[in-house]
Amino acid sequence: MKKLLILLFILVLPNFLYSQNEITITGYIFNKENIPISDVNVWVVKTNIGTVSKKNGYFNISFNKNTSTILKFSHLNYKPLLINIDTIIDILHLRIHLEKSVNKIDEITISASNLPKIKNDFQILDYNFINDTLIILSKDIYNKSYKIVLIKNEIDTITKFILPSRYKLTNIFLDCFNNVNVIGKDSVFLLQFKNNKILILFSFDKHLFMSTIGRFIFETTKYIIVKQQVSKYFVKYLAYNKNDKTLINVININELPKERESYQYIQWLKKNGFKGDITARLRFEKEIMNPPSNQPLIKLKDSIYFMEYSRNQIEIFNDNLQKIETIDAKYNFDKEWKPIFITDYFQKKIYTIYESSVFRVANINLRTGEINYKKEIPVLFPINPQINNGYFYCIKYNHIHNKKELFRIKLNFNE
């Protein structure tokens, strides 16, 4: 948690503090009893400029006058508050009072028991892993409440946690510090697991979170790796030095020529009298004919792998981001190969996907770039496929019960 808050300050705020044409707002935040409120999210609406109130309720935020003029104050236990700011002034001091939220989160703790089946009135929304612990997010079909379940060693249910429908949860996000976050419509909730209980430790504005912490891929001893999506066809991997606070460029993935090719083809169609839906045709060209590639940066143990299949290579770096080896990538020669990579962090392996009439998963040999073996998965259209400790997981649709369920199968390649 400490790392998370520090990074919000050292990575987000310095990038948006301007020496000219800026407004600085300070103040204190209290409840109706004039008691200071800490950990209140304060941010400029429609930007990723934000801060958090201190223990005494104090906050300080600066931003360029050309950005949004609305400040939003939010806290898990209080109703959000919007304030319009007059940007004629340069410095403003505020005294904010927040109203207690009427609804409270119910917390339920259940002692360990055998792994239960998800009842028919719940359907799976998402899942993830922390080592050998499975985290499941499900939704009650009838009252729309949400349930978070922790399952240890695939046998014991450690605890369950119920959240009301107003949070509108969608998925689980595991950040680069191994923190478990649950994504909602407008907010992100940081969870803490303590003494067989699930607690909401902190809440973030969703836009602020995804534009900062959501971009962090992983950390090494010295660096935090950040993914900057300049556009769908131009991606940068940057490294933030935790010691001297500098940001260096590690890898650029520039596929803008593919995007230009799509636009050039559309211009050719126009000149030749194309009468169809030009917008739909452009979308088809960009998403089907010339889609951006998925070339991830993956950290396993002390090695970092850049899956640069567009050049038929796997580049290998050490923990200090020094390139130590480049090997030929041969896993992508099969026409049925799909540009999807699944990492088993527990067993330190990388898998990829082959799909035609059947869905198959294959292990990539990280010494030769070849495929060791392929395993057929008996699921049509698997959702969110993951691999953990040698087991393949995915969400599949149950047509009988008309809901989504979690599927698992052991990757026994000796069969």
Protein backbone atom coordinates (compact mmCIF):
# COMPACT_ATOMS: atom_id res chain seq x y z
CA MET A 1 0.00 0.00 0.00
CA LYS A 2 2.82 2.39 0.86
CA LYS A 3 4.39 1.83 -2.57
CA LEU A 4 1.06 2.54 -4.23
CA LEU A 5 0.58 5.91 -2.55
CA ILE A 6 4.19 6.99 -3.01
CA LEU A 7 4.03 6.22 -6.73
CA LEU A 8 0.87 8.25 -7.16
CA PHE A 9 2.82 11.23 -5.87
CA ILE A 10 6.20 10.73 -7.56
CA LEU A 11 4.86 9.60 -10.94
CA VAL A 12 1.59 11.41 -11.43
CA LEU A 13 1.91 14.82 -9.84
CA PRO A 14 5.32 15.99 -11.13
CA ASN A 15 4.23 15.40 -14.71
CA PHE A 16 1.36 17.81 -14.33
CA LEU A 17 2.77 20.63 -12.23
CA TYR A 18 3.27 23.64 -14.45
CA SER A 19 5.41 26.64 -13.57
CA GLN A 20 3.28 28.98 -15.67
CA ASN A 21 -0.45 29.48 -16.14
CA GLU A 22 -1.30 27.18 -13.23
CA ILE A 23 -3.71 27.31 -10.35
CA THR A 24 -2.88 25.92 -6.91
CA ILE A 25 -5.67 24.78 -4.59
CA THR A 26 -5.12 23.88 -0.96
CA GLY A 27 -7.54 23.14 1.82
CA TYR A 28 -8.86 20.84 4.51
CA ILE A 29 -11.58 18.19 4.32
CA PHE A 30 -13.92 17.50 7.25
CA ASN A 31 -17.07 15.54 7.99
CA LYS A 32 -20.24 17.16 9.35
CA GLU A 33 -18.80 16.95 12.89
CA ASN A 34 -15.70 18.91 11.75
CA ILE A 35 -13.46 15.86 12.12
CA PRO A 36 -10.67 15.76 9.48
CA ILE A 37 -11.02 13.05 6.82
CA SER A 38 -7.89 11.36 5.49
CA ASP A 39 -7.48 9.35 2.26
CA VAL A 40 -9.99 11.42 0.31
CA ASN A 41 -9.38 11.28 -3.45
CA VAL A 42 -9.12 14.78 -4.92
CA TRP A 43 -8.77 15.04 -8.66
CA VAL A 44 -9.44 17.27 -11.63
CA VAL A 45 -12.34 15.82 -13.60
CA LYS A 46 -11.50 14.29 -17.02
CA THR A 47 -7.74 14.34 -16.29
CA ASN A 48 -5.29 12.12 -14.43
CA ILE A 49 -4.28 14.95 -12.07
CA GLY A 50 -5.02 13.99 -8.51
CA THR A 51 -3.93 13.81 -4.90
CA VAL A 52 -5.01 12.29 -1.58
CA SER A 53 -5.83 14.11 1.66
CA LYS A 54 -3.51 13.66 4.63
CA LYS A 55 -4.32 12.51 8.17
CA ASN A 56 -5.30 16.06 9.20
CA GLY A 57 -7.54 16.40 6.12
CA TYR A 58 -5.11 18.67 4.27
CA PHE A 59 -4.72 18.50 0.48
CA ASN A 60 -2.73 20.43 -2.12
CA ILE A 61 -3.20 20.19 -5.88
CA SER A 62 -1.95 22.24 -8.83
CA PHE A 63 -2.96 22.10 -12.47
CA ASN A 64 -2.91 24.07 -15.70
CA LYS A 65 -5.78 26.51 -16.15
CA ASN A 66 -6.45 25.11 -19.62
CA THR A 67 -7.60 21.78 -18.16
CA SER A 68 -10.99 20.98 -16.59
CA THR A 69 -12.26 23.46 -13.98
CA ILE A 70 -14.14 20.88 -11.87
CA LEU A 71 -12.66 19.27 -8.74
CA LYS A 72 -14.12 16.00 -7.47
CA PHE A 73 -13.79 14.77 -3.88
CA SER A 74 -14.54 11.11 -3.20
CA HIS A 75 -14.14 8.64 -0.38
CA LEU A 76 -15.48 5.14 0.11
CA ASN A 77 -17.56 6.14 3.16
CA TYR A 78 -18.74 9.57 1.96
CA LYS A 79 -20.87 10.95 -0.84
CA PRO A 80 -18.82 12.41 -3.73
CA LEU A 81 -18.67 16.19 -4.08
CA LEU A 82 -18.09 18.28 -7.25
CA ILE A 83 -16.83 21.89 -7.08
CA ASN A 84 -16.46 24.33 -9.96
CA ILE A 85 -13.22 26.33 -9.81
CA ASP A 86 -12.82 29.94 -10.98
CA THR A 87 -9.51 29.90 -12.90
CA ILE A 88 -9.14 33.69 -12.86
CA ILE A 89 -7.32 33.33 -9.53
CA ASP A 90 -3.93 31.63 -9.10
CA ILE A 91 -4.24 30.41 -5.51
CA LEU A 92 -7.36 29.16 -3.74
CA HIS A 93 -7.91 27.80 -0.22
CA LEU A 94 -10.97 25.63 0.46
CA ARG A 95 -12.70 24.16 3.49
CA ILE A 96 -14.60 21.06 2.34
CA HIS A 97 -17.31 19.14 4.23
CA LEU A 98 -18.35 15.69 3.04
CA GLU A 99 -21.61 13.97 3.88
CA LYS A 100 -21.53 10.42 5.22
CA SER A 101 -22.75 7.79 2.78
CA VAL A 102 -25.94 6.07 3.91
CA ASN A 103 -25.02 2.63 2.57
CA LYS A 104 -22.30 0.58 4.21
CA ILE A 105 -20.47 -2.44 2.87
CA ASP A 106 -21.44 -5.71 4.47
CA GLU A 107 -18.56 -8.00 5.37
CA ILE A 108 -18.95 -11.74 5.76
CA THR A 109 -16.23 -14.11 6.93
CA ILE A 110 -16.59 -17.86 6.54
CA SER A 111 -14.26 -20.43 8.05
CA ALA A 112 -12.36 -22.77 5.76
CA SER A 113 -14.44 -25.51 4.17
CA ASN A 114 -14.38 -27.70 1.13
CA LEU A 115 -14.49 -25.85 -2.16
CA PRO A 116 -18.17 -25.19 -2.94
CA LYS A 117 -19.72 -24.95 -6.34
CA ILE A 118 -20.97 -21.51 -7.31
CA LYS A 119 -24.74 -21.59 -6.86
CA ASN A 120 -26.99 -21.19 -9.85
CA ASP A 121 -27.98 -17.68 -8.74
CA PHE A 122 -24.35 -16.50 -9.12
CA GLN A 123 -22.37 -16.17 -12.31
CA ILE A 124 -18.62 -15.63 -12.69
CA LEU A 125 -17.49 -12.17 -13.82
CA ASP A 126 -13.73 -12.52 -13.45
CA TYR A 127 -10.94 -14.32 -11.61
CA ASN A 128 -7.21 -14.08 -10.94
CA PHE A 129 -4.41 -15.54 -8.85
CA ILE A 130 -1.93 -14.61 -6.15
CA ASN A 131 0.49 -17.54 -6.07
CA ASP A 132 -1.73 -20.54 -5.21
CA THR A 133 -4.73 -18.47 -4.11
CA LEU A 134 -7.64 -18.19 -6.54
CA ILE A 135 -9.70 -14.99 -6.41
CA ILE A 136 -13.20 -15.13 -7.92
CA LEU A 137 -15.53 -12.20 -8.60
CA SER A 138 -19.15 -13.25 -9.13
CA LYS A 139 -22.53 -11.53 -9.36
CA ASP A 140 -25.91 -12.52 -7.97
CA ILE A 141 -28.28 -12.81 -10.93
CA TYR A 142 -31.28 -11.68 -8.89
CA ASN A 143 -30.28 -8.97 -6.37
CA LYS A 144 -27.24 -7.88 -8.43
CA SER A 145 -24.87 -7.94 -5.41
CA TYR A 146 -21.26 -9.02 -5.88
CA LYS A 147 -19.28 -11.74 -4.14
CA ILE A 148 -15.49 -12.01 -3.88
CA VAL A 149 -14.29 -15.50 -2.93
CA LEU A 150 -10.76 -16.56 -1.96
CA ILE A 151 -9.90 -20.22 -2.49
CA LYS A 152 -6.61 -21.63 -1.17
CA ASN A 153 -4.80 -24.62 -2.65
CA GLU A 154 -7.83 -25.29 -4.88
CA ILE A 155 -9.58 -26.93 -1.90
CA ASP A 156 -10.42 -24.54 0.93
CA THR A 157 -12.58 -21.45 0.78
CA ILE A 158 -10.71 -18.94 2.94
CA THR A 159 -13.32 -16.20 3.00
CA LYS A 160 -16.15 -14.50 1.13
CA PHE A 161 -16.97 -10.84 0.84
CA ILE A 162 -20.28 -9.32 -0.30
CA LEU A 163 -20.49 -5.91 -1.98
CA PRO A 164 -23.71 -4.08 -2.92
CA SER A 165 -24.91 -3.66 -6.49
CA ARG A 166 -24.20 0.10 -6.54
CA TYR A 167 -20.46 -0.57 -7.02
CA LYS A 168 -21.10 -1.96 -10.53
CA LEU A 169 -18.01 -4.17 -10.50
CA THR A 170 -16.63 -5.62 -13.73
CA ASN A 171 -13.24 -7.29 -13.21
CA ILE A 172 -10.20 -7.95 -11.04
CA PHE A 173 -6.93 -6.12 -11.67
CA LEU A 174 -3.67 -7.40 -10.21
CA ASP A 175 -1.18 -4.52 -10.23
CA CYS A 176 2.59 -4.83 -10.54
CA PHE A 177 3.02 -4.83 -6.75
CA ASN A 178 0.76 -7.90 -6.43
CA ASN A 179 -2.07 -5.82 -4.96
CA VAL A 180 -5.59 -7.02 -5.75
CA ASN A 181 -7.87 -4.30 -7.10
CA VAL A 182 -11.52 -4.63 -8.12
CA ILE A 183 -12.62 -2.39 -10.98
CA GLY A 184 -16.02 -0.69 -10.85
CA LYS A 185 -17.82 1.69 -13.18
CA ASP A 186 -16.28 4.85 -11.68
CA SER A 187 -13.95 3.62 -8.93
CA VAL A 188 -11.20 1.10 -8.27
CA PHE A 189 -11.07 -0.62 -4.86
CA LEU A 190 -7.82 -1.86 -3.34
CA LEU A 191 -8.42 -5.03 -1.32
CA GLN A 192 -6.51 -6.29 1.68
CA PHE A 193 -6.59 -9.89 2.95
CA LYS A 194 -6.00 -10.09 6.68
CA ASN A 195 -6.94 -12.67 9.32
CA ASN A 196 -9.26 -14.50 6.95
CA LYS A 197 -11.07 -11.28 6.10
CA ILE A 198 -11.32 -9.17 2.97
CA LEU A 199 -11.17 -5.43 3.59
CA ILE A 200 -11.42 -2.48 1.23
CA LEU A 201 -8.25 -0.60 2.07
CA PHE A 202 -8.57 2.29 -0.37
CA SER A 203 -10.61 3.54 -3.32
CA PHE A 204 -9.38 5.42 -6.39
CA ASP A 205 -11.01 7.31 -9.20
CA LYS A 206 -11.03 4.83 -12.08
CA HIS A 207 -9.62 7.23 -14.68
CA LEU A 208 -6.81 8.31 -12.36
CA PHE A 209 -5.95 4.72 -11.45
CA MET A 210 -5.94 3.30 -14.98
CA SER A 211 -3.83 6.19 -16.34
CA THR A 212 -1.20 5.66 -13.63
CA ILE A 213 -1.07 2.37 -11.70
CA GLY A 214 -2.95 0.63 -14.49
CA ARG A 215 -0.03 1.31 -16.85
CA PHE A 216 2.61 -0.28 -14.58
CA ILE A 217 3.57 -3.69 -15.99
CA PHE A 218 6.04 -5.02 -13.42
CA GLU A 219 8.94 -3.91 -11.25
CA THR A 220 12.57 -4.99 -11.04
CA THR A 221 15.10 -4.26 -8.33
CA LYS A 222 15.85 -0.85 -9.83
CA TYR A 223 12.98 -0.01 -12.19
CA ILE A 224 9.22 0.10 -12.59
CA ILE A 225 8.20 -0.75 -16.15
CA VAL A 226 5.44 1.46 -17.58
CA LYS A 227 3.42 0.84 -20.75
CA GLN A 228 2.56 4.02 -22.63
CA GLN A 229 -0.12 3.49 -25.27
CA VAL A 230 0.50 6.48 -27.55
CA SER A 231 -2.02 4.99 -29.99
CA LYS A 232 -3.22 1.52 -30.95
CA TYR A 233 -0.32 1.35 -33.40
CA PHE A 234 2.39 3.00 -31.31
CA VAL A 235 3.38 1.63 -27.91
CA LYS A 236 6.29 2.54 -25.65
CA TYR A 237 7.74 0.58 -22.76
CA LEU A 238 9.38 2.98 -20.32
CA ALA A 239 11.43 2.35 -17.18
CA TYR A 240 11.07 4.53 -14.10
CA ASN A 241 14.24 4.55 -11.99
CA LYS A 242 13.17 4.19 -8.36
CA ASN A 243 16.41 5.78 -7.12
CA ASP A 244 16.97 8.93 -9.19
CA LYS A 245 13.31 9.33 -10.34
CA THR A 246 14.25 9.42 -14.04
CA LEU A 247 12.27 7.89 -16.89
CA ILE A 248 14.05 6.14 -19.76
CA ASN A 249 12.76 4.62 -22.98
CA VAL A 250 13.24 0.85 -23.24
CA ILE A 251 11.31 -0.36 -26.30
CA ASN A 252 9.21 1.30 -29.03
CA ILE A 253 6.64 -0.65 -31.03
CA ASN A 254 5.88 1.52 -34.04
CA GLU A 255 3.26 0.07 -36.37
CA LEU A 256 1.96 3.34 -37.76
CA PRO A 257 2.67 2.16 -41.35
CA LYS A 258 -0.04 -0.50 -40.86
CA GLU A 259 -2.52 2.19 -39.87
CA ARG A 260 -1.52 4.37 -42.84
CA GLU A 261 -2.00 1.38 -45.13
CA SER A 262 -5.62 1.10 -43.95
CA TYR A 263 -6.28 4.80 -44.56
CA GLN A 264 -4.62 4.66 -47.99
CA TYR A 265 -6.81 1.73 -48.98
CA ILE A 266 -9.94 3.64 -47.87
CA GLN A 267 -8.86 6.63 -49.99
CA TRP A 268 -8.42 4.29 -52.95
CA LEU A 269 -11.94 2.91 -52.41
CA LYS A 270 -13.40 6.43 -52.34
CA LYS A 271 -11.69 7.37 -55.59
CA ASN A 272 -13.07 4.24 -57.23
CA GLY A 273 -16.67 4.93 -56.29
CA PHE A 274 -17.14 2.79 -53.17
CA LYS A 275 -20.76 3.28 -52.02
CA GLY A 276 -20.82 1.26 -48.79
CA ASP A 277 -20.40 2.37 -45.17
CA ILE A 278 -16.89 3.89 -45.27
CA THR A 279 -16.63 4.04 -41.46
CA ALA A 280 -17.45 0.35 -41.06
CA ARG A 281 -15.02 -0.50 -43.86
CA LEU A 282 -12.22 1.44 -42.17
CA ARG A 283 -12.93 -0.35 -38.90
CA PHE A 284 -12.75 -3.68 -40.74
CA GLU A 285 -9.40 -2.76 -42.31
CA LYS A 286 -7.89 -1.68 -38.98
CA GLU A 287 -9.28 -4.45 -36.79
CA ILE A 288 -9.24 -7.41 -39.18
CA MET A 289 -6.85 -6.77 -42.06
CA ASN A 290 -4.22 -4.63 -40.32
CA PRO A 291 -4.70 -5.08 -36.56
CA PRO A 292 -2.06 -3.82 -34.11
CA SER A 293 0.08 -6.64 -32.77
CA ASN A 294 0.29 -7.82 -29.18
CA GLN A 295 4.02 -7.87 -28.37
CA PRO A 296 4.24 -7.99 -24.57
CA LEU A 297 7.13 -7.56 -22.16
CA ILE A 298 7.06 -10.44 -19.65
CA LYS A 299 9.15 -10.85 -16.48
CA LEU A 300 9.95 -14.34 -15.22
CA LYS A 301 12.37 -14.69 -12.30
CA ASP A 302 15.29 -12.38 -13.10
CA SER A 303 14.79 -12.39 -16.88
CA ILE A 304 12.59 -10.18 -19.05
CA TYR A 305 11.26 -11.43 -22.40
CA PHE A 306 10.14 -9.19 -25.25
CA MET A 307 7.97 -11.30 -27.58
CA GLU A 308 8.84 -9.47 -30.81
CA TYR A 309 7.17 -11.89 -33.18
CA SER A 310 6.81 -9.28 -35.96
CA ARG A 311 10.58 -9.73 -36.47
CA ASN A 312 10.47 -13.42 -35.48
CA GLN A 313 12.54 -12.75 -32.35
CA ILE A 314 12.48 -13.08 -28.59
CA GLU A 315 14.70 -10.49 -26.93
CA ILE A 316 15.90 -11.38 -23.44
CA PHE A 317 16.97 -8.78 -20.86
CA ASN A 318 18.35 -9.09 -17.35
CA ASP A 319 16.94 -7.41 -14.25
CA ASN A 320 18.86 -4.20 -15.07
CA LEU A 321 17.28 -4.04 -18.55
CA GLN A 322 20.51 -5.00 -20.32
CA LYS A 323 19.89 -7.15 -23.41
CA ILE A 324 21.68 -10.46 -22.92
CA GLU A 325 20.37 -12.59 -25.79
CA THR A 326 18.17 -12.66 -28.89
CA ILE A 327 16.72 -15.95 -30.09
CA ASP A 328 14.64 -16.84 -33.14
CA ALA A 329 10.89 -17.05 -32.53
CA LYS A 330 9.45 -20.08 -34.30
CA TYR A 331 6.16 -20.48 -32.44
CA ASN A 332 4.42 -18.05 -34.82
CA PHE A 333 5.09 -19.91 -38.08
CA ASP A 334 1.88 -21.99 -37.83
CA LYS A 335 -1.02 -20.28 -39.68
CA GLU A 336 -3.36 -21.27 -36.84
CA TRP A 337 -1.29 -19.34 -34.29
CA LYS A 338 -2.98 -16.44 -32.47
CA PRO A 339 -0.99 -13.50 -30.99
CA ILE A 340 -1.99 -14.36 -27.41
CA PHE A 341 0.49 -15.05 -24.62
CA ILE A 342 -0.41 -16.61 -21.27
CA THR A 343 2.10 -16.62 -18.42
CA ASP A 344 2.18 -19.22 -15.66
CA TYR A 345 3.99 -17.14 -13.04
CA PHE A 346 3.87 -20.01 -10.55
CA GLN A 347 5.82 -22.41 -12.81
CA LYS A 348 7.66 -19.62 -14.71
CA LYS A 349 6.46 -20.62 -18.19
CA ILE A 350 4.98 -18.78 -21.19
CA TYR A 351 2.23 -20.29 -23.35
CA THR A 352 0.57 -19.27 -26.60
CA ILE A 353 -2.63 -20.15 -28.45
CA TYR A 354 -3.49 -22.02 -31.67
CA GLU A 355 -7.06 -21.92 -32.87
CA SER A 356 -8.96 -23.33 -35.82
CA SER A 357 -11.90 -25.65 -35.27
CA VAL A 358 -10.45 -26.40 -31.82
CA PHE A 359 -8.70 -24.31 -29.18
CA ARG A 360 -5.18 -25.46 -28.28
CA VAL A 361 -2.61 -24.13 -25.83
CA ALA A 362 1.14 -24.64 -26.34
CA ASN A 363 4.23 -24.07 -24.22
CA ILE A 364 6.99 -21.89 -25.72
CA ASN A 365 10.55 -23.11 -25.24
CA LEU A 366 12.30 -19.93 -24.05
CA ARG A 367 15.72 -21.30 -25.04
CA THR A 368 14.91 -22.16 -28.66
CA GLY A 369 11.74 -20.20 -29.46
CA GLU A 370 10.01 -23.40 -30.56
CA ILE A 371 6.86 -25.12 -29.35
CA ASN A 372 7.32 -28.04 -26.98
CA TYR A 373 3.78 -29.43 -27.18
CA LYS A 374 0.13 -28.54 -27.75
CA LYS A 375 -2.89 -29.37 -25.61
CA GLU A 376 -6.47 -29.27 -26.87
CA ILE A 377 -8.91 -27.44 -24.59
CA PRO A 378 -12.52 -28.78 -24.71
CA VAL A 379 -14.14 -25.33 -24.52
CA LEU A 380 -15.64 -23.31 -27.35
CA PHE A 381 -14.75 -19.62 -27.18
CA PRO A 382 -12.93 -19.56 -23.80
CA ILE A 383 -13.04 -16.17 -22.04
CA ASN A 384 -10.03 -14.75 -20.17
CA PRO A 385 -7.80 -17.85 -20.48
CA GLN A 386 -5.12 -18.10 -17.76
CA ILE A 387 -2.64 -20.73 -16.60
CA ASN A 388 -1.56 -21.20 -13.00
CA ASN A 389 0.62 -23.97 -11.56
CA GLY A 390 0.13 -26.20 -14.61
CA TYR A 391 -3.68 -25.79 -14.80
CA PHE A 392 -5.55 -24.05 -17.61
CA TYR A 393 -8.43 -21.82 -16.48
CA CYS A 394 -11.04 -19.88 -18.41
CA ILE A 395 -14.58 -18.57 -18.16
CA LYS A 396 -17.05 -20.49 -20.30
CA TYR A 397 -20.70 -19.95 -21.05
CA ASN A 398 -23.13 -22.51 -19.65
CA HIS A 399 -26.06 -22.58 -22.09
CA ILE A 400 -28.16 -24.79 -19.80
CA HIS A 401 -28.09 -22.35 -16.87
CA ASN A 402 -27.63 -19.30 -19.13
CA LYS A 403 -24.62 -17.97 -17.20
CA LYS A 404 -20.83 -17.84 -17.15
CA GLU A 405 -18.83 -20.40 -15.14
CA LEU A 406 -15.19 -21.06 -14.31
CA PHE A 407 -13.55 -23.98 -16.14
CA ARG A 408 -10.29 -25.74 -15.22
CA ILE A 409 -8.23 -28.56 -16.74
CA LYS A 410 -4.75 -29.88 -15.94
CA LEU A 411 -2.18 -29.42 -18.73
CA ASN A 412 -0.99 -33.02 -18.82
CA PHE A 413 1.16 -33.04 -21.96
CA ASN A 414 2.21 -36.65 -21.44
CA GLU A 415 -1.18 -37.93 -22.60
